[in-house]
Structures are given as C-alpha cells and as structure tokens.
Amino acid sequence: MTSELIRLRRALDCMPEADRRVFELARFDALDYRQIADRLCLTVQQVEDRMASAIRHLADYDQAR
C-alpha cells in the first residue's frame, strides 16, 4: 500500500461513520447521490451535507499532517 493510500485510510478511519459511509459509496462504489440516499434512507440533501463534511474532514486531516 502506498503512503497516500495509508494516509487516506487513516483519515477515513478518523471520520464520523455516517460521513465515511457516504464518501465510500460515492467515491469507491461510484453511486450517485440519489442512489446513496435510497440505500441509506436519507434525503439527497443529507447525502450532500455528509459528503461536504467528509471532504472537509479529509482536507483538515491533510493540513494537520
């Protein structure tokens, strides 16, 4: 595993579970926000909010390192 993947995994491990789940479904499983909302019984707005939170978390984690 490359150092970038290790850093990503660590950042994801520190992320709130709900945000991480949305991020993983969007980025790793290539689901769109409607599909994620349906799968997790959320609204599209909630998915958008959690994705924004996840991205902020990753940016903050990267800056802290």
N, C-alpha and C. Protein backbone atom coordinates (compact mmCIF):
# COMPACT_ATOMS: atom_id res chain seq x y z
N MET A 1 0.85 -1.17 0.00
CA MET A 1 0.00 0.00 0.00
C MET A 1 0.90 1.24 0.00
N THR A 2 0.57 2.19 -0.85
CA THR A 2 1.37 3.40 -0.92
C THR A 2 1.11 4.30 0.28
N SER A 3 2.01 5.23 0.50
CA SER A 3 1.85 6.13 1.64
C SER A 3 0.59 6.98 1.51
N GLU A 4 0.22 7.35 0.29
CA GLU A 4 -1.01 8.12 0.09
C GLU A 4 -2.25 7.31 0.47
N LEU A 5 -2.26 6.05 0.10
CA LEU A 5 -3.39 5.20 0.47
C LEU A 5 -3.45 4.98 1.98
N ILE A 6 -2.30 4.87 2.60
CA ILE A 6 -2.26 4.71 4.05
C ILE A 6 -2.82 5.96 4.72
N ARG A 7 -2.42 7.14 4.24
CA ARG A 7 -2.93 8.39 4.80
C ARG A 7 -4.44 8.50 4.60
N LEU A 8 -4.91 8.11 3.41
CA LEU A 8 -6.35 8.16 3.15
C LEU A 8 -7.09 7.22 4.10
N ARG A 9 -6.58 6.01 4.27
CA ARG A 9 -7.25 5.04 5.15
C ARG A 9 -7.30 5.56 6.58
N ARG A 10 -6.21 6.19 7.03
CA ARG A 10 -6.19 6.75 8.39
C ARG A 10 -7.19 7.89 8.53
N ALA A 11 -7.25 8.74 7.51
CA ALA A 11 -8.21 9.85 7.55
C ALA A 11 -9.64 9.32 7.57
N LEU A 12 -9.91 8.30 6.77
CA LEU A 12 -11.25 7.72 6.74
C LEU A 12 -11.58 7.06 8.08
N ASP A 13 -10.60 6.44 8.71
CA ASP A 13 -10.82 5.79 10.00
C ASP A 13 -11.19 6.80 11.09
N CYS A 14 -10.72 8.03 10.95
CA CYS A 14 -11.00 9.08 11.94
C CYS A 14 -12.30 9.84 11.65
N MET A 15 -12.87 9.60 10.50
CA MET A 15 -14.06 10.31 10.06
C MET A 15 -15.31 9.74 10.73
N PRO A 16 -16.29 10.57 11.03
CA PRO A 16 -17.56 10.04 11.55
C PRO A 16 -18.12 8.97 10.59
N GLU A 17 -18.65 7.92 11.15
CA GLU A 17 -19.09 6.78 10.35
C GLU A 17 -20.10 7.15 9.26
N ALA A 18 -21.06 7.99 9.58
CA ALA A 18 -22.08 8.36 8.59
C ALA A 18 -21.45 9.09 7.40
N ASP A 19 -20.50 9.97 7.68
CA ASP A 19 -19.81 10.69 6.59
C ASP A 19 -18.96 9.72 5.78
N ARG A 20 -18.26 8.83 6.47
CA ARG A 20 -17.39 7.86 5.79
C ARG A 20 -18.21 6.97 4.86
N ARG A 21 -19.34 6.51 5.32
CA ARG A 21 -20.17 5.62 4.50
C ARG A 21 -20.61 6.31 3.21
N VAL A 22 -21.06 7.56 3.32
CA VAL A 22 -21.46 8.31 2.14
C VAL A 22 -20.27 8.51 1.21
N PHE A 23 -19.13 8.89 1.76
CA PHE A 23 -17.93 9.11 0.94
C PHE A 23 -17.54 7.83 0.20
N GLU A 24 -17.51 6.72 0.91
CA GLU A 24 -17.10 5.46 0.30
C GLU A 24 -18.08 5.02 -0.80
N LEU A 25 -19.36 5.18 -0.57
CA LEU A 25 -20.34 4.81 -1.60
C LEU A 25 -20.20 5.68 -2.84
N ALA A 26 -19.91 6.96 -2.63
CA ALA A 26 -19.77 7.87 -3.77
C ALA A 26 -18.46 7.65 -4.51
N ARG A 27 -17.37 7.55 -3.78
CA ARG A 27 -16.05 7.52 -4.42
C ARG A 27 -15.57 6.13 -4.77
N PHE A 28 -15.88 5.13 -3.96
CA PHE A 28 -15.37 3.79 -4.21
C PHE A 28 -16.38 2.91 -4.95
N ASP A 29 -17.68 3.12 -4.68
CA ASP A 29 -18.71 2.32 -5.34
C ASP A 29 -19.36 3.06 -6.51
N ALA A 30 -18.97 4.32 -6.71
CA ALA A 30 -19.44 5.14 -7.84
C ALA A 30 -20.96 5.28 -7.89
N LEU A 31 -21.59 5.39 -6.72
CA LEU A 31 -23.02 5.62 -6.69
C LEU A 31 -23.28 7.12 -6.74
N ASP A 32 -24.38 7.50 -7.37
CA ASP A 32 -24.73 8.93 -7.35
C ASP A 32 -25.49 9.22 -6.05
N TYR A 33 -25.71 10.51 -5.80
CA TYR A 33 -26.31 10.91 -4.52
C TYR A 33 -27.71 10.33 -4.33
N ARG A 34 -28.49 10.23 -5.38
CA ARG A 34 -29.84 9.65 -5.28
C ARG A 34 -29.73 8.18 -4.87
N GLN A 35 -28.81 7.44 -5.47
CA GLN A 35 -28.64 6.03 -5.13
C GLN A 35 -28.19 5.86 -3.68
N ILE A 36 -27.29 6.73 -3.25
CA ILE A 36 -26.83 6.68 -1.86
C ILE A 36 -27.98 7.00 -0.92
N ALA A 37 -28.73 8.03 -1.24
CA ALA A 37 -29.88 8.41 -0.41
C ALA A 37 -30.86 7.25 -0.29
N ASP A 38 -31.15 6.60 -1.39
CA ASP A 38 -32.08 5.46 -1.36
C ASP A 38 -31.52 4.31 -0.52
N ARG A 39 -30.24 4.03 -0.70
CA ARG A 39 -29.63 2.91 0.01
C ARG A 39 -29.58 3.15 1.52
N LEU A 40 -29.32 4.40 1.92
CA LEU A 40 -29.14 4.70 3.34
C LEU A 40 -30.38 5.34 3.98
N CYS A 41 -31.47 5.40 3.22
CA CYS A 41 -32.72 6.00 3.72
C CYS A 41 -32.49 7.44 4.18
N LEU A 42 -31.83 8.21 3.33
CA LEU A 42 -31.56 9.62 3.59
C LEU A 42 -32.17 10.45 2.47
N THR A 43 -32.21 11.76 2.69
CA THR A 43 -32.58 12.65 1.59
C THR A 43 -31.31 12.96 0.80
N VAL A 44 -31.49 13.42 -0.42
CA VAL A 44 -30.33 13.82 -1.22
C VAL A 44 -29.59 14.95 -0.51
N GLN A 45 -30.32 15.87 0.11
CA GLN A 45 -29.68 16.98 0.84
C GLN A 45 -28.80 16.45 1.98
N GLN A 46 -29.26 15.44 2.69
CA GLN A 46 -28.45 14.85 3.75
C GLN A 46 -27.18 14.22 3.19
N VAL A 47 -27.31 13.57 2.05
CA VAL A 47 -26.13 12.98 1.40
C VAL A 47 -25.16 14.10 1.01
N GLU A 48 -25.66 15.17 0.43
CA GLU A 48 -24.80 16.29 0.05
C GLU A 48 -24.10 16.86 1.27
N ASP A 49 -24.83 17.03 2.37
CA ASP A 49 -24.25 17.58 3.59
C ASP A 49 -23.17 16.66 4.16
N ARG A 50 -23.43 15.37 4.17
CA ARG A 50 -22.44 14.42 4.70
C ARG A 50 -21.22 14.33 3.80
N MET A 51 -21.42 14.43 2.49
CA MET A 51 -20.28 14.41 1.57
C MET A 51 -19.42 15.66 1.78
N ALA A 52 -20.06 16.80 1.94
CA ALA A 52 -19.31 18.04 2.19
C ALA A 52 -18.53 17.92 3.50
N SER A 53 -19.15 17.36 4.51
CA SER A 53 -18.49 17.16 5.79
C SER A 53 -17.29 16.22 5.65
N ALA A 54 -17.46 15.16 4.89
CA ALA A 54 -16.37 14.20 4.67
C ALA A 54 -15.20 14.87 3.95
N ILE A 55 -15.48 15.65 2.96
CA ILE A 55 -14.42 16.33 2.21
C ILE A 55 -13.70 17.34 3.11
N ARG A 56 -14.45 18.06 3.93
CA ARG A 56 -13.83 18.99 4.88
C ARG A 56 -12.92 18.23 5.85
N HIS A 57 -13.40 17.08 6.32
CA HIS A 57 -12.61 16.27 7.24
C HIS A 57 -11.29 15.85 6.58
N LEU A 58 -11.36 15.40 5.34
CA LEU A 58 -10.14 14.99 4.63
C LEU A 58 -9.17 16.15 4.46
N ALA A 59 -9.70 17.32 4.13
CA ALA A 59 -8.85 18.50 3.96
C ALA A 59 -8.21 18.89 5.29
N ASP A 60 -8.99 18.88 6.36
CA ASP A 60 -8.46 19.22 7.68
C ASP A 60 -7.42 18.20 8.13
N TYR A 61 -7.68 16.95 7.88
CA TYR A 61 -6.74 15.88 8.25
C TYR A 61 -5.43 16.06 7.50
N ASP A 62 -5.52 16.38 6.22
CA ASP A 62 -4.32 16.55 5.40
C ASP A 62 -3.51 17.76 5.87
N GLN A 63 -4.18 18.84 6.23
CA GLN A 63 -3.49 20.04 6.71
C GLN A 63 -2.83 19.81 8.06
N ALA A 64 -3.42 18.96 8.87
CA ALA A 64 -2.86 18.68 10.19
C ALA A 64 -1.60 17.82 10.11
N ARG A 65 -1.40 17.17 9.01
CA ARG A 65 -0.24 16.28 8.86
C ARG A 65 0.93 16.99 8.26
